[in-house]
Amino acid sequence: MQTYKDIFLNHDEERFQQYLEDARAGRTKIAAGALLPHEIIRDLEGRRDGG
C-alpha cells in the first residue's frame, strides 16, 4: 500500500479515503505484506513524517 498510496490519492481519493476509514473502524483489512507495524499505524493516523 505504501508504494501506491499517492497514486490512489491522486486518482481515486474519495474511495481510497473510505477504504482507510473502513480499515480504522475494523470493517476491512489492509494486506500488510512487507509493511512493519509502525508503518501501518503511521498511515492510519495520517502522518507522513516518516516515523
C-alpha atoms as a PDB file:
ATOM      1  CA  MET A   1       0.000   0.000   0.000  1.00  0.00           C
ATOM      2  CA  GLN A   2       2.816   2.388   0.837  1.00  0.00           C
ATOM      3  CA  THR A   3       4.143   2.269  -2.732  1.00  0.00           C
ATOM      4  CA  TYR A   4       0.848   3.220  -4.381  1.00  0.00           C
ATOM      5  CA  LYS A   5      -0.704   5.404  -1.692  1.00  0.00           C
ATOM      6  CA  ASP A   6      -0.050   8.703  -3.501  1.00  0.00           C
ATOM      7  CA  ILE A   7      -1.292   7.262  -6.798  1.00  0.00           C
ATOM      8  CA  PHE A   8      -4.547   6.129  -5.185  1.00  0.00           C
ATOM      9  CA  LEU A   9      -4.975   9.549  -3.590  1.00  0.00           C
ATOM     10  CA  ASN A  10      -4.420  11.311  -6.916  1.00  0.00           C
ATOM     11  CA  HIS A  11      -6.703   9.108  -8.992  1.00  0.00           C
ATOM     12  CA  ASP A  12      -9.448   7.985  -6.607  1.00  0.00           C
ATOM     13  CA  GLU A  13      -9.149   9.914  -3.372  1.00  0.00           C
ATOM     14  CA  GLU A  14     -12.764   9.507  -2.291  1.00  0.00           C
ATOM     15  CA  ARG A  15     -12.832   5.710  -2.407  1.00  0.00           C
ATOM     16  CA  PHE A  16      -9.293   5.379  -1.016  1.00  0.00           C
ATOM     17  CA  GLN A  17     -10.157   7.598   1.956  1.00  0.00           C
ATOM     18  CA  GLN A  18     -13.277   5.479   2.522  1.00  0.00           C
ATOM     19  CA  TYR A  19     -11.124   2.333   2.440  1.00  0.00           C
ATOM     20  CA  LEU A  20      -8.767   3.805   5.048  1.00  0.00           C
ATOM     21  CA  GLU A  21     -11.706   4.847   7.214  1.00  0.00           C
ATOM     22  CA  ASP A  22     -13.149   1.330   6.961  1.00  0.00           C
ATOM     23  CA  ALA A  23      -9.764  -0.070   7.999  1.00  0.00           C
ATOM     24  CA  ARG A  24      -9.667   2.250  11.032  1.00  0.00           C
ATOM     25  CA  ALA A  25     -13.140   1.096  12.028  1.00  0.00           C
ATOM     26  CA  GLY A  26     -12.305  -2.583  11.539  1.00  0.00           C
ATOM     27  CA  ARG A  27     -14.748  -3.074   8.655  1.00  0.00           C
ATOM     28  CA  THR A  28     -11.978  -4.101   6.249  1.00  0.00           C
ATOM     29  CA  LYS A  29      -8.391  -5.248   6.432  1.00  0.00           C
ATOM     30  CA  ILE A  30      -5.171  -3.897   4.990  1.00  0.00           C
ATOM     31  CA  ALA A  31      -2.963  -6.507   3.357  1.00  0.00           C
ATOM     32  CA  ALA A  32       0.204  -5.696   5.219  1.00  0.00           C
ATOM     33  CA  GLY A  33       2.665  -7.636   3.063  1.00  0.00           C
ATOM     34  CA  ALA A  34       6.090  -6.273   3.924  1.00  0.00           C
ATOM     35  CA  LEU A  35       4.880  -3.328   5.996  1.00  0.00           C
ATOM     36  CA  LEU A  36       6.064  -3.034   9.541  1.00  0.00           C
ATOM     37  CA  PRO A  37       3.525  -2.351  12.301  1.00  0.00           C
ATOM     38  CA  HIS A  38       4.691   1.239  12.862  1.00  0.00           C
ATOM     39  CA  GLU A  39       4.244   1.976   9.129  1.00  0.00           C
ATOM     40  CA  ILE A  40       0.656   0.749   9.191  1.00  0.00           C
ATOM     41  CA  ILE A  41      -0.165   2.801  12.298  1.00  0.00           C
ATOM     42  CA  ARG A  42       1.522   5.900  10.844  1.00  0.00           C
ATOM     43  CA  ASP A  43      -0.565   5.620   7.677  1.00  0.00           C
ATOM     44  CA  LEU A  44      -3.799   5.084   9.575  1.00  0.00           C
ATOM     45  CA  GLU A  45      -3.059   8.147  11.692  1.00  0.00           C
ATOM     46  CA  GLY A  46      -2.449  10.170   8.534  1.00  0.00           C
ATOM     47  CA  ARG A  47       1.133  11.074   9.409  1.00  0.00           C
ATOM     48  CA  ARG A  48       3.689  11.490   6.662  1.00  0.00           C
ATOM     49  CA  ASP A  49       6.726  12.374   8.751  1.00  0.00           C
ATOM     50  CA  GLY A  50       8.404   9.010   8.228  1.00  0.00           C
ATOM     51  CA  GLY A  51       8.410   7.970  11.876  1.00  0.00           C
END
